[in-house]
Amino acid sequence: MKKNSKIYIAGHKGLVGSALWKTLQNKGYNNLVGKSKSELDLMNAQAVNQFFEEEQPEYVILAAAKVGGIVANNTYRGEFIYENLMIQNNVIHAAYMHAVKKLLFLGSTCIYPKVAPQPMKEDCLLTSPLEYTNEPYAIAKIAGIKMCESYNLQYGTNFISVMPTNLYGPNDNFDLEKSHVLPALVRKNHLGKCLESNDWVELRKDLDRNPIEGINGTNSKDEILGILDKYGIRFKGSGDPQVSIEIWGSGKPMREFLWSEELADACVYVMEKVDFKDAHAGEKEVRNTHINIGTGKEVSIKELAETIKRKVGFKGELFYNTDKPDGTLRKLTDPSKIHDLGWHHQIDIEEGIEKMYGWYIGQ
C-alpha cells in the first residue's frame, strides 16, 4: 500500500475499526474512508455497490460486524447470523466487482470447535461441532472465510482472513447486556467502587455516558440501585457500604485477550506484507488460509476478575454464579502462523487492563 492509497475501513468507529484508523494515520496513511451506519447500511447491497462505485477504494478492511458476549450471542441468534452474513457478503462481493487490490476480513476464534485441541491451530476449523451459544455468529464468520478463499481461487482476488482472539481496548462496548467479559468486568468493578465509596457524582456520570435500559444519571437512587442489582452489582448496606459483583459461571474457563491496538498493528502488517499466496502452502485443496492473531497466553476468568478488581480499586466481593453457563472452558489460539510471517504481540494483560481502565475513566 502507498501512503495515499484509498483505504476503506468498514466499521471504523467500533473497537477494531477505530484502532485501525488510528494505527493507519500514525503510519502516515492519509486517504482513509469511513462511513457510519447512518451514512451507509452495509446490509443494503445496492447502497454498498453505489458506495464502491463512487469511492473506488483500492484497499478494504472489513471490521464491521454485529458482535456481543455470551448473553447477546445466545439471545439474538437470528440477528447475529443474518446481519453478519449480509454485511460480509455485500462488502466482499463489491470488493471483487470493483477490483479492490486487497481485502482483509476480520473474524473471531469462536469459529473453532467447542472441543478443539488446545492451543487451536488454523487447521482445526470444521473438525467438530461449535460451541452452541455462539454458533450462529461463528457460522457467519466461517462463511466469510470460505467466501474470501473461494473468490481468491475462482477470481484471483487477494482477500485475506484474520481471526483475532478476544479483544479489548479503547471504544469497547460497555453495555452490560451485550458486552464481552473484560469490558463488562471493568465497568462492573468501577460502578461497584463508586457505590462502596458513596461517589454518586461519578456513578451518575457513568450512567449518563452509557445508560442501562434507559436508566441514566438523572434517575433516583432507588431506580439506579435497582438496575445495578439486575446486572449483578449489589448494594448491601448504607452505613458502611458493602457491595458484591456477580460473575456468570465458575470463573474456571481460560481466556486469551489481545489489546485492540495490537490487533490493528497486526492487521496493517498483514495488509502491507502478506498476500493470499503467503497464507497457504500451495496444496491441491486450498483451505484453512485464515491467520490466527493472538498472544498464545491465557488467564482464567477468576484471575482476570481479580486483576481487574485490583487495578480498579474495588474492595467488595466477587460472586461466581455457577447456575449460569461457563461457555467453552479453553479457547487459546496458536499464533505460530502470524509469528512465522513476522508479527508478535507486545502488551500483556496486566498492562492492558491498566490502559483500558485509564481510557474508560478518562472519557
Protein backbone atom coordinates (compact mmCIF):
# COMPACT_ATOMS: atom_id res chain seq x y z
CA MET A 1 0.00 0.00 0.00
CA LYS A 2 1.13 3.54 -0.70
CA LYS A 3 0.60 6.31 1.84
CA ASN A 4 -2.02 7.96 -0.42
CA SER A 5 -3.81 4.70 -1.34
CA LYS A 6 -7.54 4.94 -0.72
CA ILE A 7 -8.36 2.58 2.15
CA TYR A 8 -11.94 1.89 3.20
CA ILE A 9 -12.42 0.74 6.80
CA ALA A 10 -15.87 -0.78 7.25
CA GLY A 11 -16.85 -0.32 10.90
CA HIS A 12 -14.35 2.48 11.51
CA LYS A 13 -15.98 3.69 14.73
CA GLY A 14 -16.00 0.37 16.57
CA LEU A 15 -13.42 -1.22 18.84
CA VAL A 16 -11.34 -2.66 16.00
CA GLY A 17 -12.13 -0.09 13.31
CA SER A 18 -11.20 2.90 15.45
CA ALA A 19 -7.91 1.25 16.40
CA LEU A 20 -7.21 0.54 12.72
CA TRP A 21 -7.97 4.13 11.75
CA LYS A 22 -5.61 5.47 14.42
CA THR A 23 -2.86 2.99 13.52
CA LEU A 24 -3.04 3.76 9.79
CA GLN A 25 -2.97 7.51 10.45
CA ASN A 26 0.02 7.13 12.76
CA LYS A 27 1.84 5.25 10.00
CA GLY A 28 1.23 8.09 7.54
CA TYR A 29 -1.71 6.77 5.51
CA ASN A 30 -3.68 9.87 4.54
CA ASN A 31 -6.56 8.72 2.35
CA LEU A 32 -8.83 6.81 4.72
CA VAL A 33 -12.56 6.40 4.11
CA GLY A 34 -15.17 5.53 6.72
CA LYS A 35 -18.96 5.69 6.80
CA SER A 36 -21.18 5.47 9.85
CA LYS A 37 -24.12 3.08 9.89
CA SER A 38 -26.49 6.00 9.29
CA GLU A 39 -24.46 7.04 6.25
CA LEU A 40 -24.09 3.56 4.74
CA ASP A 41 -26.17 0.50 5.61
CA LEU A 42 -23.86 -2.42 4.86
CA MET A 43 -26.82 -4.81 4.81
CA ASN A 44 -28.15 -2.97 1.75
CA ALA A 45 -26.41 -4.44 -1.31
CA GLN A 46 -27.48 -1.59 -3.61
CA ALA A 47 -26.13 1.04 -1.21
CA VAL A 48 -22.85 -0.84 -0.81
CA ASN A 49 -22.39 -1.16 -4.57
CA GLN A 50 -23.14 2.52 -5.06
CA PHE A 51 -20.58 3.42 -2.39
CA PHE A 52 -17.88 1.31 -4.08
CA GLU A 53 -18.78 2.79 -7.48
CA GLU A 54 -18.44 6.34 -6.16
CA GLU A 55 -15.41 5.94 -3.87
CA GLN A 56 -13.40 3.27 -5.76
CA PRO A 57 -11.36 2.16 -2.73
CA GLU A 58 -8.10 0.39 -3.52
CA TYR A 59 -7.94 -1.50 -0.21
CA VAL A 60 -10.70 -2.64 2.16
CA ILE A 61 -10.61 -3.70 5.79
CA LEU A 62 -13.86 -5.35 6.83
CA ALA A 63 -14.14 -4.74 10.58
CA ALA A 64 -17.90 -4.13 10.63
CA ALA A 65 -19.92 -6.83 12.37
CA LYS A 66 -22.67 -7.45 14.88
CA VAL A 67 -20.81 -8.61 17.99
CA GLY A 68 -21.55 -9.35 21.63
CA GLY A 69 -20.87 -11.58 24.61
CA ILE A 70 -22.36 -14.92 25.55
CA VAL A 71 -25.74 -13.45 26.54
CA ALA A 72 -26.20 -11.46 23.36
CA ASN A 73 -24.99 -14.29 21.12
CA ASN A 74 -27.40 -16.77 22.65
CA THR A 75 -30.36 -14.35 22.82
CA TYR A 76 -30.18 -12.71 19.40
CA ARG A 77 -29.25 -15.78 17.36
CA GLY A 78 -31.22 -14.80 14.26
CA GLU A 79 -29.84 -11.26 14.22
CA PHE A 80 -26.27 -12.46 14.62
CA ILE A 81 -26.30 -14.86 11.68
CA TYR A 82 -28.41 -12.71 9.35
CA GLU A 83 -26.74 -9.35 9.89
CA ASN A 84 -23.19 -10.69 9.74
CA LEU A 85 -23.85 -12.72 6.59
CA MET A 86 -25.45 -9.75 4.88
CA ILE A 87 -22.66 -7.31 5.81
CA GLN A 88 -19.79 -9.52 4.72
CA ASN A 89 -21.48 -10.86 1.57
CA ASN A 90 -22.19 -7.33 0.34
CA VAL A 91 -18.75 -5.89 1.10
CA ILE A 92 -16.69 -8.87 -0.12
CA HIS A 93 -18.67 -9.16 -3.36
CA ALA A 94 -18.50 -5.41 -4.02
CA ALA A 95 -14.73 -5.52 -3.45
CA TYR A 96 -14.49 -8.20 -6.15
CA MET A 97 -16.78 -6.36 -8.55
CA HIS A 98 -14.80 -3.14 -8.19
CA ALA A 99 -11.33 -4.73 -8.47
CA VAL A 100 -10.12 -3.94 -4.94
CA LYS A 101 -6.41 -4.77 -4.70
CA LYS A 102 -6.59 -6.38 -1.26
CA LEU A 103 -9.30 -7.01 1.31
CA LEU A 104 -8.83 -8.00 4.95
CA PHE A 105 -11.74 -9.83 6.59
CA LEU A 106 -11.85 -9.94 10.38
CA GLY A 107 -13.45 -12.91 12.08
CA SER A 108 -13.14 -14.44 15.53
CA THR A 109 -11.62 -17.51 17.15
CA CYS A 110 -15.14 -18.65 18.05
CA ILE A 111 -15.05 -20.25 14.58
CA TYR A 112 -13.22 -23.19 16.13
CA PRO A 113 -14.94 -26.28 17.57
CA LYS A 114 -16.01 -26.37 21.20
CA VAL A 115 -13.60 -29.23 21.90
CA ALA A 116 -10.79 -28.09 19.60
CA PRO A 117 -7.26 -29.19 20.56
CA GLN A 118 -5.51 -26.51 22.62
CA PRO A 119 -3.89 -24.30 21.52
CA MET A 120 -6.04 -24.00 18.40
CA LYS A 121 -4.28 -24.15 15.04
CA GLU A 122 -5.94 -22.91 11.87
CA ASP A 123 -6.36 -26.47 10.58
CA CYS A 124 -8.80 -27.48 13.32
CA LEU A 125 -11.55 -25.47 11.59
CA LEU A 126 -14.67 -27.55 10.80
CA THR A 127 -13.37 -30.66 12.54
CA SER A 128 -16.18 -30.98 15.14
CA PRO A 129 -19.28 -29.10 16.48
CA LEU A 130 -19.16 -25.46 17.55
CA GLU A 131 -19.97 -24.00 20.96
CA TYR A 132 -23.78 -23.78 20.98
CA THR A 133 -24.18 -20.29 22.46
CA ASN A 134 -22.30 -18.53 19.64
CA GLU A 135 -22.93 -21.00 16.80
CA PRO A 136 -24.87 -18.56 14.54
CA TYR A 137 -22.14 -15.90 14.75
CA ALA A 138 -19.40 -18.48 14.22
CA ILE A 139 -21.12 -19.94 11.16
CA ALA A 140 -21.39 -16.47 9.63
CA LYS A 141 -17.67 -15.87 10.17
CA ILE A 142 -16.76 -19.28 8.74
CA ALA A 143 -18.82 -18.38 5.68
CA GLY A 144 -16.78 -15.18 5.36
CA ILE A 145 -13.50 -17.11 5.44
CA LYS A 146 -14.76 -19.51 2.78
CA MET A 147 -16.10 -16.66 0.65
CA CYS A 148 -12.67 -15.00 0.65
CA GLU A 149 -10.93 -18.30 -0.13
CA SER A 150 -13.41 -19.14 -2.90
CA TYR A 151 -13.19 -15.73 -4.58
CA ASN A 152 -9.39 -15.93 -4.47
CA LEU A 153 -9.39 -19.37 -6.09
CA GLN A 154 -12.00 -18.59 -8.75
CA TYR A 155 -11.37 -14.92 -9.49
CA GLY A 156 -7.74 -14.37 -8.48
CA THR A 157 -8.58 -11.81 -5.79
CA ASN A 158 -6.28 -11.11 -2.84
CA PHE A 159 -8.69 -11.43 0.11
CA ILE A 160 -7.18 -12.44 3.45
CA SER A 161 -8.97 -13.51 6.64
CA VAL A 162 -7.60 -12.97 10.13
CA MET A 163 -9.07 -14.47 13.28
CA PRO A 164 -8.32 -12.37 16.36
CA THR A 165 -8.69 -13.75 19.85
CA ASN A 166 -10.79 -11.91 22.49
CA LEU A 167 -10.19 -8.19 22.11
CA TYR A 168 -10.37 -5.23 24.47
CA GLY A 169 -9.35 -1.60 24.31
CA PRO A 170 -10.49 1.99 23.58
CA ASN A 171 -14.06 2.35 22.25
CA ASP A 172 -15.04 -1.10 23.53
CA ASN A 173 -18.69 -1.92 24.20
CA PHE A 174 -19.52 -1.42 27.89
CA ASP A 175 -23.23 -2.23 27.61
CA LEU A 176 -23.78 -4.68 30.48
CA GLU A 177 -26.25 -6.76 28.47
CA LYS A 178 -24.24 -7.04 25.26
CA SER A 179 -20.57 -6.51 26.11
CA HIS A 180 -17.83 -9.12 26.30
CA VAL A 181 -16.48 -10.28 29.64
CA LEU A 182 -13.48 -7.94 30.06
CA PRO A 183 -15.18 -4.56 29.42
CA ALA A 184 -18.20 -5.76 31.41
CA LEU A 185 -15.98 -6.58 34.39
CA VAL A 186 -14.15 -3.25 34.12
CA ARG A 187 -17.42 -1.36 34.22
CA LYS A 188 -18.95 -3.52 36.98
CA ASN A 189 -15.89 -3.02 39.18
CA HIS A 190 -15.92 0.71 38.51
CA LEU A 191 -19.61 1.01 39.41
CA GLY A 192 -19.05 -1.18 42.48
CA LYS A 193 -16.20 1.07 43.56
CA CYS A 194 -18.43 4.13 43.14
CA LEU A 195 -21.12 2.54 45.33
CA GLU A 196 -18.80 1.47 48.14
CA SER A 197 -17.15 4.90 48.24
CA ASN A 198 -20.57 6.62 48.03
CA ASP A 199 -19.38 8.50 44.93
CA TRP A 200 -22.73 9.23 43.33
CA VAL A 201 -21.30 12.01 41.18
CA GLU A 202 -19.04 9.59 39.30
CA LEU A 203 -21.73 6.91 39.27
CA ARG A 204 -24.28 9.24 37.68
CA LYS A 205 -21.64 10.44 35.22
CA ASP A 206 -21.06 6.82 34.15
CA LEU A 207 -24.79 6.22 33.64
CA ASP A 208 -25.17 9.46 31.68
CA ARG A 209 -22.39 8.29 29.36
CA ASN A 210 -23.80 4.78 28.99
CA PRO A 211 -27.38 4.31 30.28
CA ILE A 212 -28.58 0.86 31.32
CA GLU A 213 -32.02 0.04 29.93
CA GLY A 214 -32.85 3.75 29.83
CA ILE A 215 -31.68 4.39 33.39
CA ASN A 216 -29.21 7.29 33.45
CA GLY A 217 -27.72 9.70 35.95
CA THR A 218 -30.95 11.66 36.34
CA ASN A 219 -32.89 8.72 37.81
CA SER A 220 -33.46 8.31 41.52
CA LYS A 221 -31.06 6.38 43.73
CA ASP A 222 -33.60 3.58 44.15
CA GLU A 223 -34.05 3.26 40.38
CA ILE A 224 -30.28 3.21 39.86
CA LEU A 225 -29.73 0.63 42.59
CA GLY A 226 -32.49 -1.48 41.08
CA ILE A 227 -30.97 -1.63 37.61
CA LEU A 228 -27.48 -2.25 39.00
CA ASP A 229 -28.85 -5.11 41.09
CA LYS A 230 -30.41 -6.63 37.97
CA TYR A 231 -26.97 -6.71 36.35
CA GLY A 232 -25.25 -8.20 39.37
CA ILE A 233 -23.88 -5.08 41.11
CA ARG A 234 -25.49 -5.39 44.53
CA PHE A 235 -25.51 -2.79 47.29
CA LYS A 236 -25.78 -4.46 50.71
CA GLY A 237 -25.58 -1.67 53.26
CA SER A 238 -25.65 2.10 53.71
CA GLY A 239 -23.75 2.82 56.96
CA ASP A 240 -20.58 1.00 55.88
CA PRO A 241 -21.47 0.17 52.27
CA GLN A 242 -20.87 -3.41 51.17
CA VAL A 243 -21.05 -4.24 47.50
CA SER A 244 -20.83 -7.52 45.61
CA ILE A 245 -20.40 -8.18 41.90
CA GLU A 246 -21.92 -11.24 40.24
CA ILE A 247 -19.91 -13.05 37.57
CA TRP A 248 -21.51 -15.70 35.39
CA GLY A 249 -20.15 -19.23 35.76
CA SER A 250 -17.46 -20.76 37.93
CA GLY A 251 -14.57 -18.50 36.95
CA LYS A 252 -12.64 -21.57 35.74
CA PRO A 253 -12.77 -21.03 31.95
CA MET A 254 -9.48 -19.88 30.46
CA ARG A 255 -9.41 -17.00 28.00
CA GLU A 256 -6.84 -15.19 25.89
CA PHE A 257 -7.01 -11.40 25.44
CA LEU A 258 -5.38 -9.08 22.91
CA TRP A 259 -5.18 -5.27 23.14
CA SER A 260 -7.20 -3.89 20.21
CA GLU A 261 -4.47 -1.53 19.03
CA GLU A 262 -2.12 -4.50 18.75
CA LEU A 263 -4.65 -6.27 16.55
CA ALA A 264 -4.71 -3.10 14.43
CA ASP A 265 -0.94 -3.21 14.19
CA ALA A 266 -1.10 -6.87 13.10
CA CYS A 267 -3.78 -6.09 10.50
CA VAL A 268 -1.77 -3.25 8.98
CA TYR A 269 1.27 -5.54 8.95
CA VAL A 270 -0.74 -8.15 7.01
CA MET A 271 -2.06 -5.52 4.59
CA GLU A 272 1.48 -4.27 3.94
CA LYS A 273 3.43 -7.53 3.85
CA VAL A 274 1.18 -10.61 3.42
CA ASP A 275 -0.69 -11.84 0.36
CA PHE A 276 -3.09 -14.77 -0.06
CA LYS A 277 -0.33 -16.93 -1.51
CA ASP A 278 1.64 -16.47 1.75
CA ALA A 279 -1.28 -17.80 3.83
CA HIS A 280 -1.21 -21.34 2.41
CA ALA A 281 1.38 -23.84 1.26
CA GLY A 282 0.03 -24.28 -2.27
CA GLU A 283 -1.81 -27.52 -1.59
CA LYS A 284 -4.12 -29.02 -4.23
CA GLU A 285 -7.03 -28.48 -1.82
CA VAL A 286 -6.54 -24.95 -0.52
CA ARG A 287 -8.23 -24.45 2.84
CA ASN A 288 -7.58 -23.01 6.30
CA THR A 289 -5.88 -19.97 4.78
CA HIS A 290 -7.05 -17.72 7.61
CA ILE A 291 -4.50 -16.43 10.13
CA ASN A 292 -4.88 -16.50 13.91
CA ILE A 293 -3.92 -13.28 15.69
CA GLY A 294 -3.39 -13.68 19.41
CA THR A 295 -0.92 -13.79 22.25
CA GLY A 296 -0.75 -17.55 22.82
CA LYS A 297 -1.23 -16.79 26.55
CA GLU A 298 -4.33 -17.43 28.66
CA VAL A 299 -5.80 -16.43 32.01
CA SER A 300 -8.78 -17.81 33.95
CA ILE A 301 -11.90 -15.67 34.27
CA LYS A 302 -11.31 -15.71 38.03
CA GLU A 303 -7.74 -14.44 37.61
CA LEU A 304 -8.99 -11.83 35.16
CA ALA A 305 -11.69 -10.64 37.57
CA GLU A 306 -9.24 -10.43 40.48
CA THR A 307 -6.76 -8.47 38.37
CA ILE A 308 -9.43 -6.00 37.24
CA LYS A 309 -10.69 -5.66 40.82
CA ARG A 310 -7.16 -4.80 41.98
CA LYS A 311 -6.45 -2.36 39.13
CA VAL A 312 -9.79 -0.56 39.56
CA GLY A 313 -9.55 -0.46 43.36
CA PHE A 314 -12.83 -2.21 44.16
CA LYS A 315 -12.81 -3.71 47.67
CA GLY A 316 -16.03 -5.73 47.64
CA GLU A 317 -16.91 -9.35 46.93
CA LEU A 318 -16.79 -11.19 43.61
CA PHE A 319 -19.60 -13.76 43.49
CA TYR A 320 -19.47 -16.56 40.93
CA ASN A 321 -22.95 -17.69 39.91
CA THR A 322 -22.46 -21.34 38.97
CA ASP A 323 -26.10 -21.61 37.85
CA LYS A 324 -25.06 -19.60 34.79
CA PRO A 325 -23.12 -21.11 31.85
CA ASP A 326 -19.34 -21.12 31.63
CA GLY A 327 -19.15 -21.39 27.86
CA THR A 328 -16.11 -23.06 26.33
CA LEU A 329 -13.58 -23.98 29.03
CA ARG A 330 -10.49 -23.18 26.96
CA LYS A 331 -10.08 -21.14 23.79
CA LEU A 332 -6.39 -20.48 23.25
CA THR A 333 -5.02 -19.64 19.81
CA ASP A 334 -1.83 -20.95 18.31
CA PRO A 335 -0.31 -17.80 16.73
CA SER A 336 2.54 -19.69 15.04
CA LYS A 337 1.45 -18.70 11.53
CA ILE A 338 1.45 -14.95 12.21
CA HIS A 339 4.74 -15.35 14.12
CA ASP A 340 6.26 -17.10 11.09
CA LEU A 341 5.02 -14.21 8.94
CA GLY A 342 6.93 -11.79 11.19
CA TRP A 343 4.48 -10.29 13.74
CA HIS A 344 4.38 -10.68 17.56
CA HIS A 345 2.29 -9.00 20.29
CA GLN A 346 3.87 -6.74 22.94
CA ILE A 347 1.18 -5.82 25.52
CA ASP A 348 0.27 -8.41 28.16
CA ILE A 349 -2.94 -8.48 30.19
CA GLU A 350 -1.82 -6.57 33.33
CA GLU A 351 -0.59 -3.60 31.30
CA GLY A 352 -3.62 -3.79 29.03
CA ILE A 353 -6.13 -3.64 31.90
CA GLU A 354 -4.39 -0.54 33.29
CA LYS A 355 -4.59 1.11 29.87
CA MET A 356 -8.22 0.04 29.47
CA TYR A 357 -9.36 1.44 32.83
CA GLY A 358 -7.40 4.64 32.30
CA TRP A 359 -9.16 5.13 28.99
CA TYR A 360 -12.57 4.32 30.46
CA ILE A 361 -12.50 6.79 33.33
CA GLY A 362 -10.84 9.44 31.18
CA GLN A 363 -13.62 9.64 28.59
